[in-house]
């Protein structure tokens, strides 16, 4: 019997394919950069044919390099970055390039909505305020600025759903992505929210919902030829990468939390209906007062999260700009770059010699005009001090957001995922910023693992999510909070938030003056 499970995770910057055994062991893996275009300031797009070619090539290369017989793959699970906009016309062709969730073109539109009450009306219906990278804002922007493209829309998809469409020829989404358009009191698409945004005509374009752990179709002959997968292989409906990564770390039960330190940063908690009711409605649904975004998750649970548009990306940016000799050192010593970064960060005491860093290089989900910045620089500071400040700024920001989401009962445990979790030094920083034990699950590709868990249930290999996570997720490390460092970060977090409130009006003015 076929027992391999393939998890696909198309992130904002990197697309990964990983083949797992039913016990969660990695058999083969591969990846390619995810295409991105920047046609104008604040615009982030992707040519959908190029995206499919990158994904198909990644799957084929992974199977070939791992010497995997395609017939041994029992099912495929798909995950990708959420939000954004991926639209098809009546012939199943892309209406225009996909728009990524890091796109900020709708900023002016959102300002109008806040001023005239539209944003509040949408929040009352959906439980969250529209933001620059969500599909409602982008559809409204398209209706205003590209009406011909808007009028051609026949189906509205998310990134992973477009990839599933290319694999199966079926247009379907899952319960987590669908809840972007749903009233949380009914878990049904909300026509009044769409009407408030001026896009009521899109209601019929929203896709059929197939639960994440069920099959949404099978690999077609054309997709088999492109990817190397066997024709007829089941494809699980899958999850937005926030949910897939949570699942892939074993964050499944109510009260568990996880921090994703990837290109984006995400702070996430899992809630049951009673927990959701502590900041929402009496019926357990979310209302406009709930912090962050709340989405349907697995088996009736809710996933509440708040994002930071740049997390590990801050380190990549900083080192690329000012620390390329560290890359050369890593090559000379034949070690990973993070090994070098960690040594440098360890050489600087907690608190980064008084430096503070705001990690909003691509804006934030609270305000797309947020920016990054170092504060407290003197001529005595070094690049190493600045790198330590970057580590700390990302950790403090994500820890603060997790505290906003934490249920009244507290968190049972907190896990760490994403590329940043591979760094033991950064994991120690996160543990101190959280001031609690932080768990790092085994394996580096939690999003692909979560997608593979969905595939395992769809294929009947695992009977349910609890069994699947018990089988496929192991713990690699536990990081205790250092009391002295935690005390430093408590004070630093207060300074961080105070500085954030003070500098935001300046960022807004700078953003306004930089527009064409």
Protein backbone atom coordinates (compact mmCIF):
# COMPACT_ATOMS: atom_id res chain seq x y z
CA UNK A 1 0.00 0.00 0.00
CA UNK A 2 1.23 3.48 -0.82
CA UNK A 3 2.29 5.23 2.37
CA UNK A 4 4.29 8.29 1.39
CA UNK A 5 2.69 11.70 1.83
CA UNK A 6 3.74 14.78 -0.13
CA UNK A 7 3.35 18.17 1.50
CA UNK A 8 3.61 21.27 -0.70
CA UNK A 9 4.14 24.70 0.87
CA UNK A 10 4.26 27.70 -1.48
CA UNK A 11 5.51 30.52 0.73
CA UNK A 12 5.94 34.15 -0.18
CA UNK A 13 9.63 33.72 -0.96
CA UNK A 14 10.24 29.97 -1.18
CA UNK A 15 8.24 27.00 -2.46
CA UNK A 16 8.98 23.65 -0.79
CA UNK A 17 7.93 20.07 -1.47
CA UNK A 18 8.60 17.41 1.16
CA UNK A 19 7.88 13.68 1.02
CA UNK A 20 7.13 12.15 4.44
CA UNK A 21 6.51 8.65 5.68
CA UNK A 22 3.28 8.08 7.58
CA UNK A 23 5.35 8.45 10.78
CA UNK A 24 6.60 11.88 9.78
CA UNK A 25 10.13 10.97 8.68
CA UNK A 26 11.44 13.05 5.78
CA UNK A 27 12.24 10.94 2.72
CA UNK A 28 12.96 13.70 0.21
CA UNK A 29 12.64 17.45 -0.05
CA UNK A 30 13.31 20.24 -2.49
CA UNK A 31 12.56 23.87 -3.10
CA UNK A 32 12.69 26.85 -5.43
CA UNK A 33 12.27 30.56 -5.01
CA UNK A 34 8.66 31.70 -5.35
CA UNK A 35 8.41 34.19 -8.23
CA UNK A 36 7.59 37.80 -7.38
CA UNK A 37 7.20 40.95 -9.44
CA UNK A 38 7.19 44.55 -8.19
CA UNK A 39 5.65 46.54 -11.06
CA UNK A 40 5.12 49.65 -8.91
CA UNK A 41 5.94 50.80 -5.38
CA UNK A 42 3.88 48.85 -2.81
CA UNK A 43 2.78 46.33 -5.50
CA UNK A 44 3.71 42.66 -5.06
CA UNK A 45 2.52 40.32 -7.81
CA UNK A 46 3.23 36.91 -9.28
CA UNK A 47 2.70 35.63 -12.80
CA UNK A 48 0.53 32.57 -12.24
CA UNK A 49 2.01 30.47 -15.03
CA UNK A 50 5.48 31.13 -13.60
CA UNK A 51 4.19 30.16 -10.16
CA UNK A 52 2.78 26.88 -11.46
CA UNK A 53 6.00 26.12 -13.33
CA UNK A 54 8.02 26.70 -10.14
CA UNK A 55 5.69 24.45 -8.14
CA UNK A 56 5.57 21.69 -10.74
CA UNK A 57 9.35 21.75 -11.12
CA UNK A 58 9.80 21.60 -7.34
CA UNK A 59 7.57 18.53 -7.06
CA UNK A 60 9.24 16.74 -9.99
CA UNK A 61 12.76 17.49 -8.76
CA UNK A 62 11.90 16.32 -5.24
CA UNK A 63 10.50 13.03 -6.51
CA UNK A 64 13.46 12.49 -8.85
CA UNK A 65 16.16 13.41 -6.34
CA UNK A 66 14.57 11.20 -3.69
CA UNK A 67 14.17 8.33 -6.16
CA UNK A 68 10.47 8.24 -5.19
CA UNK A 69 8.14 6.01 -7.20
CA UNK A 70 5.15 8.31 -7.84
CA UNK A 71 2.74 5.43 -7.21
CA UNK A 72 4.08 5.24 -3.65
CA UNK A 73 2.69 8.72 -2.91
CA UNK A 74 -0.67 8.07 -1.27
CA UNK A 75 -1.85 11.70 -1.33
CA UNK A 76 -0.76 15.30 -1.73
CA UNK A 77 -1.50 18.13 0.68
CA UNK A 78 -1.19 21.77 -0.36
CA UNK A 79 -0.45 24.88 1.67
CA UNK A 80 0.48 28.40 0.60
CA UNK A 81 0.53 31.95 1.86
CA UNK A 82 -2.94 33.28 2.56
CA UNK A 83 -4.92 36.40 1.69
CA UNK A 84 -3.91 38.21 -1.53
CA UNK A 85 -5.96 37.70 -4.69
CA UNK A 86 -5.86 34.95 -7.35
CA UNK A 87 -8.74 35.26 -9.83
CA UNK A 88 -9.84 33.17 -12.82
CA UNK A 89 -12.10 34.06 -15.74
CA UNK A 90 -14.92 31.94 -17.14
CA UNK A 91 -12.42 29.92 -19.20
CA UNK A 92 -10.35 29.06 -16.13
CA UNK A 93 -7.54 31.41 -17.14
CA UNK A 94 -5.94 33.99 -14.82
CA UNK A 95 -7.66 37.35 -15.02
CA UNK A 96 -4.37 39.10 -14.20
CA UNK A 97 -1.19 38.34 -12.21
CA UNK A 98 -1.82 37.15 -8.68
CA UNK A 99 -1.51 39.74 -5.91
CA UNK A 100 0.44 38.69 -2.83
CA UNK A 101 -0.49 39.38 0.77
CA UNK A 102 2.50 41.73 1.14
CA UNK A 103 0.89 44.10 -1.38
CA UNK A 104 -0.10 47.56 -0.08
CA UNK A 105 -1.81 49.13 -3.12
CA UNK A 106 -5.14 49.37 -1.27
CA UNK A 107 -3.77 51.66 1.47
CA UNK A 108 -5.57 54.80 0.25
CA UNK A 109 -8.80 52.88 -0.21
CA UNK A 110 -8.59 51.63 3.37
CA UNK A 111 -8.10 55.18 4.62
CA UNK A 112 -11.35 56.12 2.84
CA UNK A 113 -13.14 53.15 4.37
CA UNK A 114 -11.99 54.08 7.84
CA UNK A 115 -13.16 57.66 7.35
CA UNK A 116 -16.61 56.87 5.93
CA UNK A 117 -17.43 53.91 8.20
CA UNK A 118 -17.11 51.17 5.58
CA UNK A 119 -14.29 49.47 7.45
CA UNK A 120 -16.39 49.32 10.60
CA UNK A 121 -19.38 47.90 8.74
CA UNK A 122 -17.20 45.15 7.29
CA UNK A 123 -15.70 44.42 10.69
CA UNK A 124 -19.16 44.11 12.22
CA UNK A 125 -20.04 41.48 9.64
CA UNK A 126 -16.75 39.53 9.42
CA UNK A 127 -15.15 40.09 12.83
CA UNK A 128 -12.01 41.75 11.47
CA UNK A 129 -11.14 45.07 9.91
CA UNK A 130 -10.07 44.92 6.25
CA UNK A 131 -6.36 45.39 5.64
CA UNK A 132 -4.20 46.11 2.62
CA UNK A 133 -3.40 42.53 1.64
CA UNK A 134 -6.78 40.90 2.15
CA UNK A 135 -8.87 39.87 -0.87
CA UNK A 136 -11.83 42.09 -0.03
CA UNK A 137 -9.68 45.23 -0.14
CA UNK A 138 -7.89 44.05 -3.27
CA UNK A 139 -11.14 43.20 -5.08
CA UNK A 140 -12.48 46.66 -4.25
CA UNK A 141 -9.23 48.21 -5.49
CA UNK A 142 -9.51 46.21 -8.70
CA UNK A 143 -13.13 47.27 -9.22
CA UNK A 144 -12.03 50.89 -9.00
CA UNK A 145 -8.69 50.84 -10.85
CA UNK A 146 -8.92 47.85 -13.22
CA UNK A 147 -12.66 47.52 -13.96
CA UNK A 148 -12.13 45.41 -17.08
CA UNK A 149 -10.19 42.82 -15.08
CA UNK A 150 -12.76 42.97 -12.28
CA UNK A 151 -15.62 42.34 -14.70
CA UNK A 152 -13.89 39.21 -16.06
CA UNK A 153 -13.66 37.54 -12.63
CA UNK A 154 -15.53 34.24 -12.54
CA UNK A 155 -13.76 32.60 -9.57
CA UNK A 156 -11.88 34.09 -6.60
CA UNK A 157 -9.16 31.87 -5.18
CA UNK A 158 -6.30 31.89 -2.72
CA UNK A 159 -2.78 30.90 -3.70
CA UNK A 160 -3.00 27.27 -2.59
CA UNK A 161 -6.40 26.94 -4.28
CA UNK A 162 -4.93 28.03 -7.60
CA UNK A 163 -2.27 25.34 -7.21
CA UNK A 164 -4.95 22.76 -6.37
CA UNK A 165 -6.84 23.89 -9.46
CA UNK A 166 -3.75 23.23 -11.57
CA UNK A 167 -3.36 19.81 -9.95
CA UNK A 168 -7.01 18.69 -10.11
CA UNK A 169 -8.99 21.03 -12.42
CA UNK A 170 -11.36 21.67 -9.48
CA UNK A 171 -11.99 25.14 -8.02
CA UNK A 172 -12.27 24.63 -4.26
CA UNK A 173 -11.04 26.16 -1.04
CA UNK A 174 -10.94 25.00 2.60
CA UNK A 175 -12.73 26.17 5.73
CA UNK A 176 -9.86 28.35 6.95
CA UNK A 177 -9.40 30.37 3.76
CA UNK A 178 -13.17 30.58 3.21
CA UNK A 179 -13.65 32.23 6.60
CA UNK A 180 -12.00 35.40 5.21
CA UNK A 181 -15.37 36.02 3.53
CA UNK A 182 -17.59 34.45 6.20
CA UNK A 183 -19.70 35.78 9.03
CA UNK A 184 -18.27 33.99 12.10
CA UNK A 185 -21.75 33.67 13.63
CA UNK A 186 -22.92 31.50 10.74
CA UNK A 187 -19.72 30.29 9.03
CA UNK A 188 -21.36 31.22 5.73
CA UNK A 189 -20.24 33.65 3.03
CA UNK A 190 -21.50 37.10 4.01
CA UNK A 191 -23.14 39.02 1.17
CA UNK A 192 -23.63 42.17 3.28
CA UNK A 193 -19.87 42.53 3.86
CA UNK A 194 -19.24 42.25 0.13
CA UNK A 195 -21.97 44.78 -0.60
CA UNK A 196 -20.45 47.19 1.94
CA UNK A 197 -17.13 46.91 0.10
CA UNK A 198 -18.82 47.52 -3.26
CA UNK A 199 -18.04 44.04 -4.56
CA UNK A 200 -21.38 42.27 -4.06
CA UNK A 201 -21.14 40.81 -7.56
CA UNK A 202 -18.27 38.59 -6.34
CA UNK A 203 -20.49 36.49 -4.07
CA UNK A 204 -21.13 33.92 -6.80
CA UNK A 205 -17.40 33.83 -7.59
CA UNK A 206 -16.44 32.50 -4.15
CA UNK A 207 -15.39 28.85 -4.30
CA UNK A 208 -16.96 25.70 -2.94
CA UNK A 209 -15.62 24.75 0.51
CA UNK A 210 -14.07 21.32 1.06
CA UNK A 211 -12.66 20.70 4.53
CA UNK A 212 -8.89 20.77 4.75
CA UNK A 213 -8.48 17.08 5.55
CA UNK A 214 -10.75 15.81 2.77
CA UNK A 215 -9.84 15.13 -0.84
CA UNK A 216 -10.79 17.98 -3.19
CA UNK A 217 -9.87 16.09 -6.35
CA UNK A 218 -7.25 13.93 -8.00
CA UNK A 219 -4.12 14.67 -10.02
CA UNK A 220 -5.07 15.09 -13.68
CA UNK A 221 -3.10 13.68 -16.63
CA UNK A 222 -1.77 17.16 -17.46
CA UNK A 223 -0.68 17.77 -13.87
CA UNK A 224 0.89 14.31 -13.70
CA UNK A 225 2.92 15.11 -16.80
CA UNK A 226 4.07 18.44 -15.34
CA UNK A 227 4.89 17.27 -11.81
CA UNK A 228 5.82 13.61 -12.09
CA UNK A 229 3.02 12.63 -9.70
CA UNK A 230 0.86 9.64 -10.58
CA UNK A 231 -2.42 10.40 -12.28
CA UNK A 232 -5.32 9.89 -9.87
CA UNK A 233 -3.36 10.69 -6.70
CA UNK A 234 -5.77 12.29 -4.16
CA UNK A 235 -5.17 15.96 -3.29
CA UNK A 236 -6.26 17.13 0.16
CA UNK A 237 -7.97 20.52 0.39
CA UNK A 238 -5.21 21.77 2.71
CA UNK A 239 -4.76 24.95 4.73
CA UNK A 240 -3.52 28.53 4.60
CA UNK A 241 0.15 28.30 5.62
CA UNK A 242 -0.56 29.77 9.07
CA UNK A 243 -2.85 26.86 9.84
CA UNK A 244 -0.66 24.28 8.10
CA UNK A 245 2.39 25.38 10.06
CA UNK A 246 0.46 25.32 13.33
CA UNK A 247 -0.72 21.78 12.54
CA UNK A 248 2.77 20.74 11.46
CA UNK A 249 4.17 21.76 14.85
CA UNK A 250 1.51 19.76 16.70
CA UNK A 251 -0.38 22.92 17.66
CA UNK A 252 -3.81 21.40 17.48
CA UNK A 253 -5.37 21.50 20.95
CA UNK A 254 -7.17 24.48 22.55
CA UNK A 255 -4.83 26.81 24.41
CA UNK A 256 -1.73 25.95 22.43
CA UNK A 257 0.29 28.76 20.87
CA UNK A 258 2.90 28.95 18.14
CA UNK A 259 5.19 31.64 16.76
CA UNK A 260 6.18 31.30 13.11
CA UNK A 261 9.52 32.95 12.34
CA UNK A 262 9.52 32.80 8.56
CA UNK A 263 9.64 35.53 5.93
CA UNK A 264 6.56 36.77 7.76
CA UNK A 265 6.18 36.39 11.50
CA UNK A 266 2.94 35.03 12.89
CA UNK A 267 1.71 34.82 16.47
CA UNK A 268 -1.01 32.17 16.79
CA UNK A 269 -3.29 30.57 19.37
CA UNK A 270 -5.81 27.72 19.04
CA UNK A 271 -9.19 28.33 20.70
CA UNK A 272 -12.24 26.24 21.34
CA UNK A 273 -15.65 27.91 21.40
CA UNK A 274 -15.50 28.68 25.13
CA UNK A 275 -12.09 30.34 24.80
CA UNK A 276 -13.22 32.31 21.74
CA UNK A 277 -16.16 33.58 23.75
CA UNK A 278 -13.88 35.30 26.28
CA UNK A 279 -13.13 37.98 23.66
CA UNK A 280 -16.05 37.42 21.35
CA UNK A 281 -19.77 36.72 21.37
CA UNK A 282 -21.56 34.53 23.84
CA UNK A 283 -22.12 31.90 21.16
CA UNK A 284 -18.37 31.44 20.80
CA UNK A 285 -17.99 33.37 17.57
CA UNK A 286 -15.72 36.33 17.06
CA UNK A 287 -16.84 39.92 17.21
CA UNK A 288 -15.20 43.19 16.26
CA UNK A 289 -13.41 43.50 19.61
CA UNK A 290 -11.34 40.34 19.16
CA UNK A 291 -7.67 41.06 18.47
CA UNK A 292 -5.98 39.85 15.30
CA UNK A 293 -7.68 37.62 12.76
CA UNK A 294 -9.83 34.65 13.73
CA UNK A 295 -10.32 31.84 11.26
CA UNK A 296 -11.99 28.47 11.28
CA UNK A 297 -9.49 25.73 12.05
CA UNK A 298 -9.89 21.99 12.55
CA UNK A 299 -12.72 20.05 14.17
CA UNK A 300 -14.70 23.14 15.14
CA UNK A 301 -11.77 25.04 16.64
CA UNK A 302 -10.69 28.59 15.81
CA UNK A 303 -7.23 29.85 14.97
CA UNK A 304 -6.54 33.42 16.08
CA UNK A 305 -3.40 35.08 14.78
CA UNK A 306 -1.65 38.35 14.18
CA UNK A 307 1.07 38.81 11.59
CA UNK A 308 4.27 40.75 11.15
CA UNK A 309 5.13 41.20 7.48
CA UNK A 310 8.86 40.74 8.04
CA UNK A 311 10.50 38.43 10.59
CA UNK A 312 13.40 36.30 9.33
CA UNK A 313 13.34 38.63 6.34
CA UNK A 314 14.77 41.32 8.64
CA UNK A 315 17.89 39.26 9.26
CA UNK A 316 18.24 38.44 5.57
CA UNK A 317 17.91 42.12 4.64
CA UNK A 318 20.37 43.33 7.27
CA UNK A 319 23.06 40.80 6.47
CA UNK A 320 22.69 41.27 2.72
CA UNK A 321 23.16 45.02 3.10
CA UNK A 322 25.93 45.24 5.68
CA UNK A 323 27.28 41.81 6.51
CA UNK A 324 28.19 39.96 3.35
CA UNK A 325 31.58 39.07 4.78
CA UNK A 326 29.65 36.84 7.18
CA UNK A 327 28.39 34.89 4.18
CA UNK A 328 31.99 34.48 3.01
CA UNK A 329 33.00 33.30 6.47
CA UNK A 330 30.24 30.69 6.44
CA UNK A 331 31.42 29.45 3.04
CA UNK A 332 35.05 29.25 4.22
CA UNK A 333 34.07 27.29 7.33
CA UNK A 334 31.50 25.19 5.45
CA UNK A 335 28.75 25.98 7.97
CA UNK A 336 25.32 27.54 7.62
CA UNK A 337 25.05 31.29 7.62
CA UNK A 338 22.93 31.18 10.77
CA UNK A 339 25.78 29.43 12.55
CA UNK A 340 27.85 32.56 11.95
CA UNK A 341 24.98 34.90 12.82
CA UNK A 342 24.39 33.03 16.07
CA UNK A 343 28.04 33.31 17.09
CA UNK A 344 27.96 37.05 16.48
CA UNK A 345 24.70 37.52 18.38
CA UNK A 346 26.01 35.48 21.33
CA UNK A 347 29.01 37.81 21.52
CA UNK A 348 26.68 40.74 22.35
CA UNK A 349 24.91 40.92 25.74
CA UNK A 350 21.11 40.88 25.96
CA UNK A 351 19.74 44.33 25.26
CA UNK A 352 22.08 44.88 22.30
CA UNK A 353 24.05 47.60 24.09
CA UNK A 354 20.96 49.80 24.30
CA UNK A 355 19.83 49.39 20.69
CA UNK A 356 16.17 48.94 19.76
CA UNK A 357 14.90 47.66 16.40
CA UNK A 358 11.41 47.85 14.91
CA UNK A 359 11.02 44.99 12.39
CA UNK A 360 8.37 46.47 10.07
CA UNK A 361 10.42 46.58 6.89
CA UNK A 362 7.35 45.72 4.78
CA UNK A 363 4.83 47.49 6.97
CA UNK A 364 2.61 45.67 9.45
CA UNK A 365 -0.86 44.16 9.35
CA UNK A 366 -1.94 46.97 11.69
CA UNK A 367 -0.70 49.66 9.32
CA UNK A 368 1.00 49.19 5.94
CA UNK A 369 2.86 52.50 6.43
CA UNK A 370 4.76 51.11 9.44
CA UNK A 371 8.50 50.94 8.81
CA UNK A 372 11.66 49.47 10.28
CA UNK A 373 14.14 51.40 12.34
CA UNK A 374 17.09 51.30 14.71
CA UNK A 375 16.90 53.57 17.76
CA UNK A 376 19.68 54.61 20.11
CA UNK A 377 22.55 54.27 17.63
CA UNK A 378 25.91 55.77 18.60
CA UNK A 379 29.36 55.71 17.04
CA UNK A 380 30.28 52.96 19.50
CA UNK A 381 27.76 50.48 18.14
CA UNK A 382 28.90 47.68 15.84
CA UNK A 383 27.24 45.59 13.17
CA UNK A 384 27.14 42.76 15.68
CA UNK A 385 25.16 44.95 18.10
CA UNK A 386 22.73 45.77 15.31
CA UNK A 387 22.29 42.10 14.38
CA UNK A 388 21.51 41.29 18.02
CA UNK A 389 18.95 44.13 18.01
CA UNK A 390 17.30 42.62 14.92
CA UNK A 391 16.99 39.22 16.64
CA UNK A 392 15.51 40.90 19.70
CA UNK A 393 13.17 43.27 17.84
CA UNK A 394 11.53 40.43 15.92
CA UNK A 395 11.15 38.32 19.08
CA UNK A 396 9.76 41.18 21.19
CA UNK A 397 7.27 42.14 18.49
CA UNK A 398 5.95 38.60 18.06
CA UNK A 399 5.83 37.95 21.82
CA UNK A 400 3.82 41.15 22.30
CA UNK A 401 1.33 40.11 19.64
CA UNK A 402 0.95 36.65 21.20
CA UNK A 403 0.16 38.27 24.55
CA UNK A 404 -2.69 40.19 22.87
CA UNK A 405 -4.18 36.91 21.62
CA UNK A 406 -3.69 34.78 24.75
CA UNK A 407 -6.96 33.42 26.19
CA UNK A 408 -7.96 34.20 29.76
CA UNK A 409 -7.04 30.66 30.79
CA UNK A 410 -3.49 31.14 29.55
CA UNK A 411 -1.53 28.98 27.13
CA UNK A 412 -0.81 25.30 27.58
CA UNK A 413 2.43 25.53 25.61
CA UNK A 414 4.13 27.71 23.01
CA UNK A 415 5.96 26.30 20.00
CA UNK A 416 8.38 27.89 17.57
CA UNK A 417 8.44 27.24 13.83
CA UNK A 418 9.82 28.64 10.60
CA UNK A 419 13.39 29.13 9.45
CA UNK A 420 14.23 31.23 12.50
CA UNK A 421 13.46 28.29 14.79
CA UNK A 422 16.51 26.46 13.45
CA UNK A 423 18.65 28.95 15.35
CA UNK A 424 19.15 27.83 18.94
CA UNK A 425 20.36 31.30 19.89
CA UNK A 426 17.30 33.00 18.42
CA UNK A 427 15.10 30.37 20.10
CA UNK A 428 16.68 31.38 23.44
CA UNK A 429 15.87 35.02 22.66
CA UNK A 430 12.26 34.09 21.95
CA UNK A 431 11.98 32.07 25.18
CA UNK A 432 13.21 35.09 27.17
CA UNK A 433 10.93 37.49 25.27
CA UNK A 434 7.99 35.20 26.06
CA UNK A 435 9.34 34.51 29.55
CA UNK A 436 8.34 30.86 29.35
CA UNK A 437 9.55 27.53 28.02
CA UNK A 438 9.48 27.44 24.25
CA UNK A 439 9.20 24.16 22.34
CA UNK A 440 10.83 23.57 18.96
CA UNK A 441 9.37 20.60 17.06
CA UNK A 442 11.59 18.39 14.93
CA UNK A 443 12.07 19.28 11.27
CA UNK A 444 12.30 22.59 9.51
CA UNK A 445 9.31 22.51 7.13
CA UNK A 446 6.30 22.62 9.43
CA UNK A 447 4.01 24.05 6.73
CA UNK A 448 4.71 21.13 4.39
CA UNK A 449 4.32 18.72 7.32
CA UNK A 450 0.91 20.19 8.17
CA UNK A 451 -0.16 19.84 4.54
CA UNK A 452 1.07 16.23 4.59
CA UNK A 453 -0.96 15.55 7.74
CA UNK A 454 -4.06 16.70 5.85
CA UNK A 455 -3.04 14.36 3.01
CA UNK A 456 -2.61 11.45 5.41
CA UNK A 457 -6.16 11.82 6.71
CA UNK A 458 -7.56 12.31 3.20
CA UNK A 459 -5.86 9.07 2.13
CA UNK A 460 -7.20 7.16 5.14
CA UNK A 461 -3.70 6.52 6.53
CA UNK A 462 -4.54 8.39 9.75
CA UNK A 463 -8.06 8.43 11.20
CA UNK A 464 -8.01 11.94 12.69
CA UNK A 465 -5.87 14.98 13.45
CA UNK A 466 -4.89 13.94 16.97
CA UNK A 467 -3.63 10.56 15.80
CA UNK A 468 -1.86 12.12 12.83
CA UNK A 469 -0.03 14.78 14.89
CA UNK A 470 0.94 12.21 17.52
CA UNK A 471 2.45 10.05 14.77
CA UNK A 472 4.01 12.72 12.59
CA UNK A 473 5.27 15.42 14.99
CA UNK A 474 8.17 14.99 17.43
CA UNK A 475 9.86 17.49 19.75
CA UNK A 476 13.45 18.46 18.96
CA UNK A 477 14.36 20.99 21.69
CA UNK A 478 12.97 22.87 24.68
CA UNK A 479 14.28 26.33 25.57
CA UNK A 480 13.85 27.67 29.09
CA UNK A 481 13.56 31.38 29.76
CA UNK A 482 16.65 32.93 31.37
CA UNK A 483 15.29 35.10 34.25
CA UNK A 484 17.86 37.88 33.89
CA UNK A 485 17.35 38.15 30.14
CA UNK A 486 13.57 38.01 30.54
CA UNK A 487 13.72 40.97 32.93
CA UNK A 488 15.67 42.98 30.34
CA UNK A 489 13.15 42.15 27.64
CA UNK A 490 10.16 43.08 29.81
CA UNK A 491 11.53 46.59 30.09
CA UNK A 492 12.58 46.62 26.45
CA UNK A 493 9.09 45.61 25.34
CA UNK A 494 7.58 48.60 27.11
CA UNK A 495 10.07 50.89 25.39
CA UNK A 496 9.38 49.11 22.08
CA UNK A 497 5.63 49.80 22.28
CA UNK A 498 6.09 53.39 23.45
CA UNK A 499 8.46 54.12 20.59
CA UNK A 500 6.06 52.44 18.14
CA UNK A 501 3.18 54.71 19.16
CA UNK A 502 5.40 57.79 18.92
CA UNK A 503 6.98 57.08 15.55
CA UNK A 504 3.91 55.93 13.59
CA UNK A 505 2.78 59.45 12.59
CA UNK A 506 6.28 60.10 11.22
CA UNK A 507 6.22 56.88 9.21
CA UNK A 508 2.85 57.88 7.77
CA UNK A 509 4.20 61.26 6.66
CA UNK A 510 7.29 59.69 5.12
CA UNK A 511 5.15 57.15 3.26
CA UNK A 512 2.90 59.91 1.92
CA UNK A 513 5.85 61.94 0.62
CA UNK A 514 7.36 58.89 -1.11
CA UNK A 515 4.34 58.13 -3.31
CA UNK A 516 4.33 59.09 -7.00
